[in-house]
Amino acid sequence: MRRSEADFASPIAREAALRLGRAVRRARIGGQLTQADFADRARIGRRTLIRIEIGDPSVSFTGWLSALECAELLPLLELPPAEPALPVVEEDPEVVEARGRKGKAKRPPRGRYDF
């Protein structure tokens, strides 16, 4: 038996899908559109729209984006302000020196008790 993709969604993702689906439904009803009319405008099937409105997280991301765009709700997917800076990793000076020499980088010399 095949498992539903919705089974893999976390509780937080399921709740978000439910809230977004309700927002799409309210926007559709507020615009006085039938499910068929809205689905045509969003370039998705009516059954897909029904699944979105009930908050099915297994609907494709493209389907969700089309419905949110048609409902003028894309701003709900606010992007983060900027990418965080990656941490700077300092390298071992002996490794950097060995890499600077011509040829293959060599390991730093071993200490007296290294094996």
N, C-alpha and C. Protein backbone atom coordinates (compact mmCIF):
# COMPACT_ATOMS: atom_id res chain seq x y z
N MET A 1 0.84 -1.18 0.00
CA MET A 1 0.00 0.00 0.00
C MET A 1 0.89 1.25 0.00
N ARG A 2 0.56 2.19 -0.83
CA ARG A 2 1.34 3.42 -0.95
C ARG A 2 0.96 4.40 0.14
N ARG A 3 1.99 5.00 0.76
CA ARG A 3 1.74 6.00 1.80
C ARG A 3 1.52 7.36 1.17
N SER A 4 0.69 8.15 1.79
CA SER A 4 0.44 9.50 1.32
C SER A 4 1.64 10.38 1.64
N GLU A 5 1.97 11.29 0.73
CA GLU A 5 3.07 12.21 0.98
C GLU A 5 2.76 13.12 2.16
N ALA A 6 1.48 13.33 2.44
CA ALA A 6 1.09 14.18 3.56
C ALA A 6 1.54 13.56 4.88
N ASP A 7 1.75 12.23 4.90
CA ASP A 7 2.22 11.57 6.12
C ASP A 7 3.62 12.02 6.51
N PHE A 8 4.37 12.57 5.55
CA PHE A 8 5.73 12.98 5.82
C PHE A 8 5.83 14.44 6.26
N ALA A 9 4.72 15.16 6.21
CA ALA A 9 4.72 16.57 6.61
C ALA A 9 4.72 16.67 8.13
N SER A 10 5.48 17.60 8.66
CA SER A 10 5.52 17.82 10.10
C SER A 10 4.21 18.48 10.54
N PRO A 11 3.89 18.43 11.83
CA PRO A 11 2.69 19.11 12.32
C PRO A 11 2.70 20.61 12.01
N ILE A 12 3.86 21.23 12.05
CA ILE A 12 3.95 22.66 11.75
C ILE A 12 3.61 22.90 10.28
N ALA A 13 4.13 22.06 9.38
CA ALA A 13 3.84 22.20 7.95
C ALA A 13 2.37 21.94 7.66
N ARG A 14 1.79 20.97 8.34
CA ARG A 14 0.35 20.69 8.14
C ARG A 14 -0.50 21.87 8.58
N GLU A 15 -0.15 22.48 9.71
CA GLU A 15 -0.90 23.64 10.20
C GLU A 15 -0.76 24.82 9.24
N ALA A 16 0.43 25.03 8.71
CA ALA A 16 0.65 26.11 7.76
C ALA A 16 -0.16 25.88 6.49
N ALA A 17 -0.19 24.64 5.99
CA ALA A 17 -0.98 24.32 4.80
C ALA A 17 -2.47 24.55 5.06
N LEU A 18 -2.91 24.20 6.24
CA LEU A 18 -4.32 24.41 6.60
C LEU A 18 -4.66 25.90 6.60
N ARG A 19 -3.80 26.71 7.20
CA ARG A 19 -4.05 28.16 7.25
C ARG A 19 -4.00 28.78 5.86
N LEU A 20 -3.02 28.38 5.04
CA LEU A 20 -2.93 28.91 3.68
C LEU A 20 -4.13 28.48 2.84
N GLY A 21 -4.55 27.24 3.00
CA GLY A 21 -5.73 26.75 2.27
C GLY A 21 -6.99 27.53 2.63
N ARG A 22 -7.15 27.82 3.91
CA ARG A 22 -8.30 28.63 4.34
C ARG A 22 -8.23 30.04 3.76
N ALA A 23 -7.03 30.60 3.68
CA ALA A 23 -6.86 31.94 3.12
C ALA A 23 -7.20 31.95 1.63
N VAL A 24 -6.81 30.91 0.91
CA VAL A 24 -7.15 30.81 -0.51
C VAL A 24 -8.66 30.72 -0.68
N ARG A 25 -9.30 29.91 0.15
CA ARG A 25 -10.76 29.76 0.07
C ARG A 25 -11.46 31.08 0.35
N ARG A 26 -11.03 31.80 1.39
CA ARG A 26 -11.65 33.09 1.72
C ARG A 26 -11.47 34.08 0.57
N ALA A 27 -10.29 34.08 -0.04
CA ALA A 27 -10.04 34.99 -1.17
C ALA A 27 -10.92 34.63 -2.37
N ARG A 28 -11.07 33.33 -2.62
CA ARG A 28 -11.92 32.89 -3.74
C ARG A 28 -13.36 33.29 -3.52
N ILE A 29 -13.86 33.03 -2.33
CA ILE A 29 -15.26 33.37 -2.01
C ILE A 29 -15.44 34.89 -2.00
N GLY A 30 -14.45 35.60 -1.45
CA GLY A 30 -14.52 37.07 -1.43
C GLY A 30 -14.54 37.66 -2.83
N GLY A 31 -13.90 37.00 -3.76
CA GLY A 31 -13.91 37.45 -5.15
C GLY A 31 -15.10 36.92 -5.93
N GLN A 32 -15.99 36.23 -5.23
CA GLN A 32 -17.21 35.66 -5.81
C GLN A 32 -16.91 34.76 -7.01
N LEU A 33 -15.90 33.89 -6.84
CA LEU A 33 -15.53 32.95 -7.89
C LEU A 33 -15.92 31.54 -7.48
N THR A 34 -16.39 30.77 -8.44
CA THR A 34 -16.65 29.36 -8.18
C THR A 34 -15.30 28.64 -8.17
N GLN A 35 -15.30 27.42 -7.67
CA GLN A 35 -14.07 26.65 -7.68
C GLN A 35 -13.57 26.44 -9.11
N ALA A 36 -14.48 26.18 -10.03
CA ALA A 36 -14.09 25.96 -11.43
C ALA A 36 -13.46 27.22 -12.03
N ASP A 37 -14.07 28.38 -11.79
CA ASP A 37 -13.53 29.64 -12.33
C ASP A 37 -12.16 29.95 -11.74
N PHE A 38 -12.05 29.79 -10.42
CA PHE A 38 -10.78 30.07 -9.75
C PHE A 38 -9.69 29.13 -10.26
N ALA A 39 -10.03 27.85 -10.37
CA ALA A 39 -9.06 26.85 -10.83
C ALA A 39 -8.59 27.18 -12.25
N ASP A 40 -9.51 27.59 -13.11
CA ASP A 40 -9.11 27.98 -14.47
C ASP A 40 -8.16 29.16 -14.45
N ARG A 41 -8.47 30.16 -13.65
CA ARG A 41 -7.59 31.34 -13.56
C ARG A 41 -6.23 30.99 -12.98
N ALA A 42 -6.20 30.04 -12.04
CA ALA A 42 -4.94 29.64 -11.40
C ALA A 42 -4.18 28.60 -12.22
N ARG A 43 -4.77 28.12 -13.31
CA ARG A 43 -4.16 27.12 -14.18
C ARG A 43 -3.91 25.80 -13.45
N ILE A 44 -4.86 25.44 -12.60
CA ILE A 44 -4.81 24.16 -11.88
C ILE A 44 -6.16 23.47 -12.05
N GLY A 45 -6.21 22.22 -11.72
CA GLY A 45 -7.47 21.48 -11.79
C GLY A 45 -8.37 21.81 -10.60
N ARG A 46 -9.66 21.60 -10.79
CA ARG A 46 -10.61 21.86 -9.70
C ARG A 46 -10.32 20.97 -8.50
N ARG A 47 -9.99 19.73 -8.75
CA ARG A 47 -9.67 18.79 -7.65
C ARG A 47 -8.43 19.27 -6.89
N THR A 48 -7.45 19.80 -7.60
CA THR A 48 -6.26 20.35 -6.94
C THR A 48 -6.64 21.53 -6.05
N LEU A 49 -7.52 22.39 -6.55
CA LEU A 49 -7.98 23.52 -5.75
C LEU A 49 -8.69 23.04 -4.49
N ILE A 50 -9.52 22.04 -4.62
CA ILE A 50 -10.21 21.49 -3.44
C ILE A 50 -9.19 21.00 -2.43
N ARG A 51 -8.17 20.30 -2.89
CA ARG A 51 -7.13 19.79 -1.98
C ARG A 51 -6.38 20.93 -1.31
N ILE A 52 -6.13 22.02 -2.07
CA ILE A 52 -5.44 23.18 -1.50
C ILE A 52 -6.32 23.82 -0.43
N GLU A 53 -7.60 23.99 -0.73
CA GLU A 53 -8.50 24.65 0.21
C GLU A 53 -8.67 23.88 1.51
N ILE A 54 -8.51 22.56 1.46
CA ILE A 54 -8.60 21.79 2.71
C ILE A 54 -7.23 21.65 3.38
N GLY A 55 -6.19 22.23 2.76
CA GLY A 55 -4.87 22.25 3.37
C GLY A 55 -4.05 21.00 3.17
N ASP A 56 -4.19 20.36 2.04
CA ASP A 56 -3.44 19.14 1.75
C ASP A 56 -1.99 19.50 1.42
N PRO A 57 -1.03 19.13 2.30
CA PRO A 57 0.37 19.50 2.06
C PRO A 57 1.02 18.69 0.94
N SER A 58 0.35 17.68 0.42
CA SER A 58 0.97 16.88 -0.64
C SER A 58 0.73 17.46 -2.03
N VAL A 59 -0.04 18.54 -2.13
CA VAL A 59 -0.20 19.22 -3.42
C VAL A 59 1.15 19.80 -3.81
N SER A 60 1.46 19.77 -5.10
CA SER A 60 2.76 20.27 -5.55
C SER A 60 2.93 21.74 -5.17
N PHE A 61 4.18 22.11 -4.99
CA PHE A 61 4.49 23.50 -4.63
C PHE A 61 4.03 24.44 -5.73
N THR A 62 4.14 24.00 -6.99
CA THR A 62 3.69 24.82 -8.11
C THR A 62 2.18 25.06 -8.03
N GLY A 63 1.44 24.04 -7.64
CA GLY A 63 0.00 24.20 -7.47
C GLY A 63 -0.33 25.22 -6.40
N TRP A 64 0.37 25.12 -5.27
CA TRP A 64 0.18 26.08 -4.19
C TRP A 64 0.51 27.49 -4.65
N LEU A 65 1.64 27.64 -5.35
CA LEU A 65 2.05 28.97 -5.82
C LEU A 65 1.02 29.55 -6.78
N SER A 66 0.50 28.74 -7.68
CA SER A 66 -0.50 29.22 -8.64
C SER A 66 -1.76 29.69 -7.92
N ALA A 67 -2.20 28.92 -6.93
CA ALA A 67 -3.40 29.30 -6.18
C ALA A 67 -3.16 30.57 -5.37
N LEU A 68 -2.01 30.65 -4.72
CA LEU A 68 -1.70 31.84 -3.93
C LEU A 68 -1.56 33.08 -4.81
N GLU A 69 -0.98 32.91 -5.99
CA GLU A 69 -0.85 34.03 -6.92
C GLU A 69 -2.23 34.50 -7.38
N CYS A 70 -3.09 33.57 -7.75
CA CYS A 70 -4.42 33.91 -8.22
C CYS A 70 -5.24 34.60 -7.12
N ALA A 71 -5.02 34.19 -5.89
CA ALA A 71 -5.72 34.78 -4.74
C ALA A 71 -5.04 36.06 -4.25
N GLU A 72 -3.95 36.44 -4.92
CA GLU A 72 -3.15 37.61 -4.53
C GLU A 72 -2.63 37.51 -3.10
N LEU A 73 -2.19 36.28 -2.78
CA LEU A 73 -1.69 36.00 -1.43
C LEU A 73 -0.20 35.65 -1.41
N LEU A 74 0.48 35.81 -2.52
CA LEU A 74 1.92 35.50 -2.54
C LEU A 74 2.72 36.27 -1.49
N PRO A 75 2.34 37.50 -1.13
CA PRO A 75 3.10 38.19 -0.08
C PRO A 75 3.10 37.45 1.26
N LEU A 76 2.18 36.50 1.44
CA LEU A 76 2.20 35.71 2.68
C LEU A 76 3.47 34.88 2.79
N LEU A 77 4.08 34.59 1.66
CA LEU A 77 5.33 33.82 1.65
C LEU A 77 6.50 34.79 1.68
N GLU A 78 6.59 35.52 2.74
CA GLU A 78 7.62 36.56 2.88
C GLU A 78 9.00 35.93 2.92
N LEU A 79 9.89 36.51 2.15
CA LEU A 79 11.27 36.02 2.10
C LEU A 79 12.08 36.62 3.25
N PRO A 80 13.11 35.92 3.71
CA PRO A 80 13.98 36.49 4.73
C PRO A 80 14.70 37.71 4.16
N PRO A 81 15.10 38.66 5.02
CA PRO A 81 15.70 39.89 4.53
C PRO A 81 16.99 39.69 3.73
N ALA A 82 17.83 38.80 4.15
CA ALA A 82 19.09 38.54 3.44
C ALA A 82 19.65 37.21 3.90
N GLU A 83 20.55 36.68 3.11
CA GLU A 83 21.18 35.42 3.50
C GLU A 83 22.17 35.68 4.62
N PRO A 84 22.19 34.81 5.63
CA PRO A 84 23.18 35.00 6.70
C PRO A 84 24.58 34.75 6.18
N ALA A 85 25.51 35.45 6.73
CA ALA A 85 26.91 35.28 6.33
C ALA A 85 27.42 33.93 6.81
N LEU A 86 28.21 33.29 5.98
CA LEU A 86 28.79 32.01 6.37
C LEU A 86 29.94 32.25 7.34
N PRO A 87 30.10 31.37 8.33
CA PRO A 87 31.20 31.56 9.28
C PRO A 87 32.55 31.38 8.60
N VAL A 88 33.51 32.14 9.03
CA VAL A 88 34.87 32.04 8.49
C VAL A 88 35.59 30.94 9.25
N VAL A 89 36.14 30.00 8.49
CA VAL A 89 36.87 28.88 9.09
C VAL A 89 38.35 29.12 8.85
N GLU A 90 39.09 29.20 9.93
CA GLU A 90 40.54 29.43 9.80
C GLU A 90 41.22 28.08 9.60
N GLU A 91 42.19 28.08 8.70
CA GLU A 91 42.91 26.85 8.40
C GLU A 91 44.19 26.78 9.23
N ASP A 92 44.66 25.57 9.39
CA ASP A 92 45.91 25.33 10.08
C ASP A 92 47.05 25.95 9.26
N PRO A 93 47.86 26.84 9.84
CA PRO A 93 48.92 27.52 9.08
C PRO A 93 49.89 26.55 8.41
N GLU A 94 50.18 25.42 9.02
CA GLU A 94 51.11 24.46 8.42
C GLU A 94 50.51 23.85 7.16
N VAL A 95 49.19 23.61 7.15
CA VAL A 95 48.54 23.05 5.97
C VAL A 95 48.54 24.08 4.85
N VAL A 96 48.28 25.35 5.20
CA VAL A 96 48.29 26.42 4.20
C VAL A 96 49.68 26.54 3.60
N GLU A 97 50.72 26.47 4.43
CA GLU A 97 52.09 26.57 3.94
C GLU A 97 52.42 25.40 3.02
N ALA A 98 52.01 24.19 3.41
CA ALA A 98 52.28 23.01 2.59
C ALA A 98 51.56 23.11 1.26
N ARG A 99 50.38 23.65 1.23
CA ARG A 99 49.61 23.80 0.00
C ARG A 99 50.27 24.82 -0.93
N GLY A 100 50.95 25.82 -0.35
CA GLY A 100 51.59 26.86 -1.14
C GLY A 100 52.81 26.36 -1.90
N ARG A 101 53.41 25.26 -1.45
CA ARG A 101 54.56 24.70 -2.15
C ARG A 101 54.12 24.04 -3.44
N LYS A 102 55.07 23.92 -4.36
CA LYS A 102 54.76 23.28 -5.63
C LYS A 102 54.52 21.80 -5.41
N GLY A 103 53.53 21.25 -6.08
CA GLY A 103 53.25 19.84 -5.96
C GLY A 103 52.11 19.58 -4.99
N LYS A 104 51.98 18.32 -4.63
CA LYS A 104 50.89 17.89 -3.77
C LYS A 104 51.11 18.38 -2.34
N ALA A 105 50.03 18.81 -1.70
CA ALA A 105 50.12 19.26 -0.31
C ALA A 105 50.53 18.08 0.56
N LYS A 106 51.46 18.34 1.47
CA LYS A 106 51.95 17.29 2.36
C LYS A 106 51.45 17.55 3.76
N ARG A 107 51.37 16.47 4.49
CA ARG A 107 50.97 16.56 5.89
C ARG A 107 52.05 17.25 6.69
N PRO A 108 51.64 18.00 7.70
CA PRO A 108 52.65 18.57 8.59
C PRO A 108 53.42 17.44 9.28
N PRO A 109 54.66 17.70 9.66
CA PRO A 109 55.44 16.65 10.32
C PRO A 109 54.76 16.18 11.60
N ARG A 110 54.92 14.89 11.87
CA ARG A 110 54.31 14.32 13.07
C ARG A 110 55.17 14.61 14.29
N GLY A 111 54.49 14.70 15.39
CA GLY A 111 55.19 14.89 16.66
C GLY A 111 55.83 13.60 17.13
N ARG A 112 56.52 13.66 18.22
CA ARG A 112 57.24 12.51 18.74
C ARG A 112 56.33 11.33 19.05
N TYR A 113 55.10 11.59 19.53
CA TYR A 113 54.21 10.50 19.94
C TYR A 113 53.05 10.28 18.99
N ASP A 114 53.06 10.91 17.79
CA ASP A 114 52.02 10.65 16.81
C ASP A 114 52.31 9.34 16.10
N PHE A 115 51.33 8.58 15.82
CA PHE A 115 51.52 7.30 15.13
C PHE A 115 50.91 7.28 13.77
